[in-house]
Amino acid sequence: MVLTSQELREKMSSGEKFIVDMYADWCGPCRVLGPIVERYANKLKEEGSDVGVYKFDIESDKELAVEMGVRSIPTIKAVSNGEVIATKTGILQEAQLDELKQTIL
């Protein structure tokens, strides 16, 4: 699910545990990572995990992207209780997404 900047801010302040893919439509590596993140999100949903997986288009709110420390894309952030716990950049595989999930459990 693609979040608006307002939705992302709400999720941050709600204390929810989630992973967010910070991307842009024009970014080639982001387009490669997209389906991997989608598969991983579906896997977590099927498992009944309480960790959400979302996407955020940095072009929709560059200020928020800067606030969150995005310097290159794709950037994946693991968030828990409103704090970014871990960050990875580049194309990740499901196992690396799983490692990020473990940091917020």
Protein backbone atom coordinates (compact mmCIF):
# COMPACT_ATOMS: atom_id res chain seq x y z
CA MET A 1 0.00 0.00 0.00
CA VAL A 2 1.37 3.41 -1.01
CA LEU A 3 1.13 5.94 1.81
CA THR A 4 0.59 9.67 1.54
CA SER A 5 2.88 11.83 3.66
CA GLN A 6 0.01 12.38 6.12
CA GLU A 7 -0.59 8.61 6.42
CA LEU A 8 3.12 7.99 6.95
CA ARG A 9 3.25 10.64 9.68
CA GLU A 10 0.16 9.08 11.33
CA LYS A 11 1.72 5.61 11.26
CA MET A 12 4.92 7.02 12.77
CA SER A 13 3.01 8.70 15.62
CA SER A 14 0.72 5.70 16.22
CA GLY A 15 3.63 3.55 17.37
CA GLU A 16 2.96 0.94 14.69
CA LYS A 17 5.77 -1.42 13.67
CA PHE A 18 6.33 -1.30 9.93
CA ILE A 19 8.73 -1.40 7.02
CA VAL A 20 8.53 1.38 4.43
CA ASP A 21 10.02 1.36 0.94
CA MET A 22 11.03 4.93 0.04
CA TYR A 23 11.01 5.09 -3.76
CA ALA A 24 10.37 7.20 -6.86
CA ASP A 25 8.65 6.14 -10.09
CA TRP A 26 11.60 7.27 -12.23
CA CYS A 27 14.11 5.15 -10.26
CA GLY A 28 15.16 1.95 -12.08
CA PRO A 29 16.37 0.04 -9.00
CA CYS A 30 13.13 1.04 -7.24
CA ARG A 31 11.14 -0.64 -10.02
CA VAL A 32 13.20 -3.80 -9.52
CA LEU A 33 12.67 -3.73 -5.74
CA GLY A 34 8.91 -3.01 -5.96
CA PRO A 35 7.74 -6.56 -6.75
CA ILE A 36 10.10 -8.01 -4.11
CA VAL A 37 8.59 -5.72 -1.45
CA GLU A 38 5.08 -6.58 -2.67
CA ARG A 39 5.73 -10.34 -2.41
CA TYR A 40 7.19 -9.86 1.07
CA ALA A 41 4.18 -7.77 2.17
CA ASN A 42 1.81 -10.48 0.94
CA LYS A 43 3.84 -13.15 2.75
CA LEU A 44 3.64 -11.24 6.05
CA LYS A 45 -0.08 -10.67 5.58
CA GLU A 46 -0.64 -14.42 4.98
CA GLU A 47 1.37 -15.20 8.13
CA GLY A 48 -0.76 -12.77 10.14
CA SER A 49 2.26 -10.66 11.09
CA ASP A 50 1.67 -7.45 13.02
CA VAL A 51 4.42 -5.74 11.00
CA GLY A 52 3.05 -3.67 8.12
CA VAL A 53 4.84 -3.13 4.83
CA TYR A 54 4.25 0.12 2.95
CA LYS A 55 5.62 2.24 0.13
CA PHE A 56 6.20 5.98 0.11
CA ASP A 57 6.88 7.99 -3.06
CA ILE A 58 9.55 10.51 -2.05
CA GLU A 59 8.47 12.78 -4.91
CA SER A 60 5.14 13.34 -3.13
CA ASP A 61 6.85 15.02 -0.15
CA LYS A 62 10.56 15.64 -0.52
CA GLU A 63 10.65 17.43 2.83
CA LEU A 64 9.44 14.32 4.66
CA ALA A 65 11.95 12.20 2.76
CA VAL A 66 14.76 14.52 3.92
CA GLU A 67 13.37 14.48 7.48
CA MET A 68 13.56 10.70 7.41
CA GLY A 69 17.17 10.79 6.22
CA VAL A 70 16.64 9.49 2.68
CA ARG A 71 19.83 10.23 0.73
CA SER A 72 19.48 7.70 -2.07
CA ILE A 73 16.74 5.43 -3.33
CA PRO A 74 15.53 2.84 -2.95
CA THR A 75 15.77 3.16 0.83
CA ILE A 76 13.98 0.77 3.16
CA LYS A 77 13.27 1.86 6.74
CA ALA A 78 12.20 -0.29 9.67
CA VAL A 79 10.09 1.76 12.10
CA SER A 80 8.93 0.95 15.61
CA ASN A 81 7.21 3.27 18.09
CA GLY A 82 7.76 6.27 15.82
CA GLU A 83 11.52 5.72 15.55
CA VAL A 84 13.53 4.53 12.57
CA ILE A 85 15.32 1.47 13.96
CA ALA A 86 17.16 0.37 10.82
CA THR A 87 17.81 1.56 7.27
CA LYS A 88 19.01 -0.28 4.18
CA THR A 89 19.55 1.09 0.70
CA GLY A 90 19.60 -0.56 -2.70
CA ILE A 91 17.85 -3.63 -4.03
CA LEU A 92 17.15 -6.08 -1.22
CA GLN A 93 15.99 -9.67 -1.26
CA GLU A 94 13.26 -11.12 0.95
CA ALA A 95 15.83 -12.48 3.41
CA GLN A 96 17.22 -8.96 3.93
CA LEU A 97 13.69 -7.60 4.41
CA ASP A 98 13.19 -10.34 6.99
CA GLU A 99 16.34 -9.20 8.81
CA LEU A 100 14.89 -5.67 8.93
CA LYS A 101 11.63 -7.04 10.30
CA GLN A 102 13.53 -8.82 13.08
CA THR A 103 15.04 -5.50 14.23
CA ILE A 104 11.61 -4.14 15.12
CA LEU A 105 10.06 -7.20 16.75
